[in-house]
Amino acid sequence: MALDLKTLRVRSLTAAVFVVVLLSCIYYSYFSFLALFFCVSIWALYEFYELSARIANKPFATLGMICGIITFMSIYALQLPPNCSDINFLSYSIYLVPFIIALQFVFSKHEHPFHDLAFTISGIFYCVIPFALLVKIPVVESGTVNELAASYNSFKILGIVFLIWANDTFAYLGGSMFGKHKLYERVSPGKTWEGTIIGIIFCVAVGFLLNLNKTFSCDCIWPLIALVVGIFGTIGDLVESQMKRMAGVKDSGSLMPGHGGVLDRFDSLLFVSPFVFVILKLVH
């Protein structure tokens, strides 16, 4: 098979732009980080509804997008003190989401409204809530917007991203060199048990190296996060692969030429974020 130089150039350029935008937004400031993952969560939700529609479903996409925005902003606002009256009302708006969706369900003309309702809600849980929790990881537990921005530690997010990349890279290399037993061939034919285990081992090793930054007072946190990345990042990849297989598509979207959509790039982070959030909550 001849090397397609045009495709290679497109993939390389897209990858470079993706990495630069991602790392720059995370590193530059709390607000650029917040804006990036707000946009990522809503676009991921859009792709989820597009995939759902291909699996013979009819989710209430417009309503789901509105409720997704409300949910993200509400979870964010929950960490603001009560005296932030100008935007603190957002923390209560999440209670409107079930009523908005229920009204759509009651007046829906869909053939299977309950089934479509389930996909509408599951999209919010799958795409929005994990990123809403992610933006709470690198800041103090509560405070004003300025206090949150001042406490922002970009290394916590950069570390998680590097761990995901390390896990993917070493799992691929390990699978290529030693892979014999398929992990879940029906969903992801390329993944092997050997590659997955090697990826987790090297990911945890990178976790120990991240301790050099002294991000956390306890030296076990980064290795523990690395273990979560290795296990749940792989599960996240399998879940998204299953969705694409059911939808009969190669990529979740076409936002990034040669690399697919947002769900393709952040499938691991979607599953990793909630568990990292819980770990840090339990530790602190």
Protein backbone atom coordinates (compact mmCIF):
# COMPACT_ATOMS: atom_id res chain seq x y z
CA MET A 1 0.00 0.00 0.00
CA ALA A 2 1.54 3.31 -1.15
CA LEU A 3 2.04 6.08 1.35
CA ASP A 4 -0.52 8.83 0.79
CA LEU A 5 1.55 11.97 1.40
CA LYS A 6 -1.45 14.28 1.15
CA THR A 7 -3.33 12.36 3.84
CA LEU A 8 -0.19 12.25 5.98
CA ARG A 9 0.23 16.03 5.71
CA VAL A 10 -3.40 16.63 6.64
CA ARG A 11 -3.21 14.28 9.63
CA SER A 12 0.07 15.77 10.80
CA LEU A 13 -1.17 19.36 10.50
CA THR A 14 -4.44 18.54 12.27
CA ALA A 15 -2.59 16.75 15.07
CA ALA A 16 -0.19 19.66 15.51
CA VAL A 17 -3.01 22.21 15.67
CA PHE A 18 -4.96 20.03 18.12
CA VAL A 19 -1.99 19.62 20.47
CA VAL A 20 -1.08 23.32 20.36
CA VAL A 21 -4.65 24.50 21.00
CA LEU A 22 -5.24 21.94 23.77
CA LEU A 23 -2.00 22.55 25.67
CA SER A 24 -2.10 26.33 25.17
CA CYS A 25 -5.66 26.67 26.49
CA ILE A 26 -4.86 24.50 29.51
CA TYR A 27 -1.59 26.26 30.30
CA TYR A 28 -2.50 29.88 29.49
CA SER A 29 -5.16 30.60 32.12
CA TYR A 30 -8.09 29.26 34.06
CA PHE A 31 -10.52 31.07 31.79
CA SER A 32 -9.07 29.69 28.54
CA PHE A 33 -9.15 26.20 30.11
CA LEU A 34 -12.76 26.70 31.20
CA ALA A 35 -13.85 28.01 27.80
CA LEU A 36 -12.12 25.18 25.95
CA PHE A 37 -13.80 22.37 27.84
CA PHE A 38 -17.16 24.08 27.85
CA CYS A 39 -16.99 24.14 24.03
CA VAL A 40 -15.63 20.58 23.94
CA SER A 41 -18.46 19.26 26.12
CA ILE A 42 -21.21 20.84 23.99
CA TRP A 43 -19.62 19.73 20.72
CA ALA A 44 -19.17 16.21 22.10
CA LEU A 45 -22.87 16.21 23.01
CA TYR A 46 -23.73 17.25 19.46
CA GLU A 47 -21.67 14.35 18.07
CA PHE A 48 -23.29 11.95 20.53
CA TYR A 49 -26.76 12.91 19.28
CA GLU A 50 -25.59 12.55 15.67
CA LEU A 51 -24.34 9.03 16.42
CA SER A 52 -27.56 8.23 18.27
CA ALA A 53 -29.60 9.30 15.25
CA ARG A 54 -27.63 6.85 13.12
CA ILE A 55 -28.58 4.04 15.50
CA ALA A 56 -32.28 4.47 14.64
CA ASN A 57 -32.94 6.83 17.56
CA LYS A 58 -34.38 10.33 17.61
CA PRO A 59 -33.00 12.11 20.66
CA PHE A 60 -34.37 15.56 21.42
CA ALA A 61 -31.11 17.10 20.22
CA THR A 62 -31.93 20.81 20.46
CA LEU A 63 -33.46 20.40 23.90
CA GLY A 64 -30.55 18.22 24.97
CA MET A 65 -28.01 20.83 23.88
CA ILE A 66 -29.83 23.53 25.87
CA CYS A 67 -30.02 21.28 28.94
CA GLY A 68 -26.35 20.38 28.47
CA ILE A 69 -25.36 24.06 28.61
CA ILE A 70 -27.52 24.57 31.71
CA THR A 71 -26.03 21.48 33.38
CA PHE A 72 -22.42 22.52 32.75
CA MET A 73 -22.99 26.06 34.01
CA SER A 74 -24.91 24.83 37.05
CA ILE A 75 -22.21 22.38 38.14
CA TYR A 76 -19.63 25.13 37.70
CA ALA A 77 -21.70 27.61 39.73
CA LEU A 78 -22.06 25.16 42.63
CA GLN A 79 -18.49 25.95 43.74
CA LEU A 80 -19.19 29.69 43.99
CA PRO A 81 -20.03 31.20 47.39
CA PRO A 82 -23.65 32.24 48.08
CA ASN A 83 -22.78 35.95 47.96
CA CYS A 84 -21.98 35.71 44.23
CA SER A 85 -25.58 36.62 43.51
CA ASP A 86 -24.83 37.84 40.00
CA ILE A 87 -24.19 34.35 38.67
CA ASN A 88 -24.88 32.06 41.61
CA PHE A 89 -28.50 31.63 40.50
CA LEU A 90 -27.08 29.29 37.84
CA SER A 91 -26.42 26.67 40.52
CA TYR A 92 -30.17 26.24 40.92
CA SER A 93 -30.98 26.12 37.22
CA ILE A 94 -29.96 22.46 37.02
CA TYR A 95 -33.23 21.62 38.78
CA LEU A 96 -35.06 22.91 35.72
CA VAL A 97 -33.52 20.30 33.45
CA PRO A 98 -35.77 17.34 34.48
CA PHE A 99 -38.89 19.49 34.08
CA ILE A 100 -37.83 20.80 30.66
CA ILE A 101 -37.12 17.28 29.43
CA ALA A 102 -40.34 15.95 30.97
CA LEU A 103 -42.41 18.55 29.11
CA GLN A 104 -40.74 17.59 25.84
CA PHE A 105 -41.51 13.95 26.60
CA VAL A 106 -45.19 14.63 27.32
CA PHE A 107 -45.78 16.61 24.14
CA SER A 108 -43.49 14.56 21.90
CA LYS A 109 -44.82 13.10 18.67
CA HIS A 110 -41.98 10.58 18.40
CA GLU A 111 -42.94 6.95 17.93
CA HIS A 112 -40.81 5.86 20.90
CA PRO A 113 -40.53 8.97 23.09
CA PHE A 114 -39.27 7.20 26.21
CA HIS A 115 -36.47 5.53 24.25
CA ASP A 116 -35.49 8.84 22.67
CA LEU A 117 -35.69 10.56 26.05
CA ALA A 118 -33.23 8.03 27.48
CA PHE A 119 -30.68 8.86 24.78
CA THR A 120 -31.21 12.58 25.33
CA ILE A 121 -30.43 12.29 29.05
CA SER A 122 -27.61 9.78 28.63
CA GLY A 123 -25.84 12.22 26.30
CA ILE A 124 -25.73 14.82 29.07
CA PHE A 125 -24.33 12.28 31.54
CA TYR A 126 -21.80 10.94 29.03
CA CYS A 127 -20.53 14.18 27.47
CA VAL A 128 -21.27 17.15 29.73
CA ILE A 129 -20.99 16.09 33.37
CA PRO A 130 -17.47 14.57 33.06
CA PHE A 131 -16.06 17.81 31.62
CA ALA A 132 -17.98 19.89 34.16
CA LEU A 133 -16.24 17.87 36.88
CA LEU A 134 -12.90 18.18 35.08
CA VAL A 135 -12.90 21.98 35.37
CA LYS A 136 -13.26 21.63 39.15
CA ILE A 137 -10.14 19.47 39.53
CA PRO A 138 -7.36 22.11 39.22
CA VAL A 139 -8.89 24.73 41.54
CA VAL A 140 -9.83 25.09 45.19
CA GLU A 141 -13.06 23.47 46.33
CA SER A 142 -14.98 26.72 46.49
CA GLY A 143 -14.45 30.46 46.10
CA THR A 144 -15.25 33.46 43.96
CA VAL A 145 -14.39 33.42 40.26
CA ASN A 146 -11.20 35.38 40.94
CA GLU A 147 -10.22 33.06 43.78
CA LEU A 148 -10.76 30.03 41.57
CA ALA A 149 -8.67 31.61 38.83
CA ALA A 150 -5.88 32.43 41.29
CA SER A 151 -5.79 28.86 42.62
CA TYR A 152 -5.72 27.30 39.14
CA ASN A 153 -2.98 24.66 38.80
CA SER A 154 -2.64 23.76 35.13
CA PHE A 155 -0.18 20.94 35.87
CA LYS A 156 -3.00 18.80 37.31
CA ILE A 157 -4.78 18.79 33.95
CA LEU A 158 -1.60 18.62 31.88
CA GLY A 159 -0.53 15.63 33.95
CA ILE A 160 -3.78 13.79 33.28
CA VAL A 161 -3.49 14.53 29.55
CA PHE A 162 0.12 13.30 29.46
CA LEU A 163 -0.89 10.12 31.30
CA ILE A 164 -3.60 9.43 28.73
CA TRP A 165 -1.13 9.96 25.89
CA ALA A 166 1.44 7.76 27.63
CA ASN A 167 -1.11 4.99 28.14
CA ASP A 168 -2.25 5.12 24.51
CA THR A 169 1.31 5.23 23.17
CA PHE A 170 2.72 2.37 25.23
CA ALA A 171 -0.43 0.27 24.76
CA TYR A 172 -0.02 0.64 21.00
CA LEU A 173 3.71 -0.15 21.08
CA GLY A 174 3.22 -3.06 23.47
CA GLY A 175 0.38 -4.47 21.43
CA SER A 176 2.36 -4.12 18.20
CA MET A 177 5.37 -5.98 19.61
CA PHE A 178 3.83 -8.52 21.99
CA GLY A 179 0.08 -8.56 21.34
CA LYS A 180 -1.41 -12.02 20.84
CA HIS A 181 -4.66 -12.11 22.79
CA LYS A 182 -7.45 -9.77 21.72
CA LEU A 183 -8.98 -7.61 24.44
CA TYR A 184 -12.42 -7.24 22.83
CA GLU A 185 -12.10 -8.12 19.16
CA ARG A 186 -15.74 -7.48 18.21
CA VAL A 187 -15.52 -3.83 19.28
CA SER A 188 -11.85 -2.94 18.88
CA PRO A 189 -9.89 -5.52 16.84
CA GLY A 190 -6.55 -3.75 17.36
CA LYS A 191 -6.50 -3.85 21.16
CA THR A 192 -4.80 -6.73 22.95
CA TRP A 193 -4.47 -7.77 26.58
CA GLU A 194 -0.68 -7.55 26.33
CA GLY A 195 -0.77 -4.01 24.94
CA THR A 196 -3.32 -2.89 27.55
CA ILE A 197 -1.27 -4.26 30.45
CA ILE A 198 1.98 -2.77 29.12
CA GLY A 199 0.21 0.57 28.65
CA ILE A 200 -1.01 0.55 32.26
CA ILE A 201 2.43 -0.40 33.64
CA PHE A 202 4.23 2.39 31.80
CA CYS A 203 1.42 4.83 32.57
CA VAL A 204 1.86 4.17 36.30
CA ALA A 205 5.61 4.61 35.85
CA VAL A 206 4.98 8.02 34.31
CA GLY A 207 2.71 8.72 37.29
CA PHE A 208 5.66 8.24 39.63
CA LEU A 209 7.70 10.66 37.51
CA LEU A 210 4.94 13.28 37.83
CA ASN A 211 5.53 13.20 41.60
CA LEU A 212 8.69 15.21 40.95
CA ASN A 213 6.42 18.23 40.47
CA LYS A 214 5.14 17.89 44.08
CA THR A 215 1.59 18.66 42.93
CA PHE A 216 0.09 16.70 45.80
CA SER A 217 1.27 16.22 49.35
CA CYS A 218 0.89 12.45 49.04
CA ASP A 219 3.20 10.64 46.60
CA CYS A 220 0.61 7.98 45.86
CA ILE A 221 -1.84 10.33 44.10
CA TRP A 222 -0.24 10.53 40.64
CA PRO A 223 0.38 6.75 40.41
CA LEU A 224 -3.22 6.16 41.52
CA ILE A 225 -4.50 8.60 38.90
CA ALA A 226 -2.27 6.83 36.35
CA LEU A 227 -3.88 3.49 37.25
CA VAL A 228 -7.33 5.06 36.78
CA VAL A 229 -6.22 6.43 33.40
CA GLY A 230 -4.95 3.02 32.28
CA ILE A 231 -8.13 1.18 33.24
CA PHE A 232 -10.94 3.64 32.65
CA GLY A 233 -9.28 5.37 29.70
CA THR A 234 -9.30 2.01 27.92
CA ILE A 235 -12.94 1.44 28.85
CA GLY A 236 -13.84 4.89 27.52
CA ASP A 237 -12.17 4.07 24.23
CA LEU A 238 -14.09 0.78 23.98
CA VAL A 239 -17.41 2.46 24.73
CA GLU A 240 -16.91 5.03 21.98
CA SER A 241 -15.76 2.32 19.56
CA GLN A 242 -18.93 0.36 20.29
CA MET A 243 -21.06 3.41 19.57
CA LYS A 244 -19.32 4.02 16.24
CA ARG A 245 -19.63 0.36 15.30
CA MET A 246 -23.36 0.42 16.02
CA ALA A 247 -23.71 3.64 14.02
CA GLY A 248 -21.69 2.19 11.15
CA VAL A 249 -19.17 5.05 11.03
CA LYS A 250 -15.40 5.26 11.33
CA ASP A 251 -15.27 8.58 13.21
CA SER A 252 -17.64 10.38 15.55
CA GLY A 253 -17.36 13.56 13.47
CA SER A 254 -15.28 15.45 10.94
CA LEU A 255 -14.18 18.46 12.98
CA MET A 256 -10.52 17.39 12.81
CA PRO A 257 -9.62 16.11 9.32
CA GLY A 258 -7.83 12.80 9.53
CA HIS A 259 -8.52 12.43 13.25
CA GLY A 260 -12.30 12.38 13.46
CA GLY A 261 -14.37 14.32 15.94
CA VAL A 262 -14.26 15.52 19.53
CA LEU A 263 -15.46 12.20 20.95
CA ASP A 264 -12.64 10.43 19.11
CA ARG A 265 -10.04 12.67 20.77
CA PHE A 266 -11.53 12.84 24.26
CA ASP A 267 -13.17 9.43 24.72
CA SER A 268 -10.64 8.41 27.39
CA LEU A 269 -10.84 11.71 29.28
CA LEU A 270 -14.63 11.41 29.46
CA PHE A 271 -14.31 8.27 31.59
CA VAL A 272 -11.20 9.31 33.49
CA SER A 273 -12.40 12.73 34.72
CA PRO A 274 -15.16 11.62 37.13
CA PHE A 275 -12.94 9.03 38.80
CA VAL A 276 -10.04 11.45 39.23
CA PHE A 277 -12.46 13.99 40.69
CA VAL A 278 -13.74 11.41 43.21
CA ILE A 279 -10.19 10.32 44.14
CA LEU A 280 -9.12 13.89 44.88
CA LYS A 281 -12.30 14.50 46.86
CA LEU A 282 -11.69 11.40 48.98
CA VAL A 283 -8.04 12.23 49.55
CA HIS A 284 -8.72 15.81 50.61
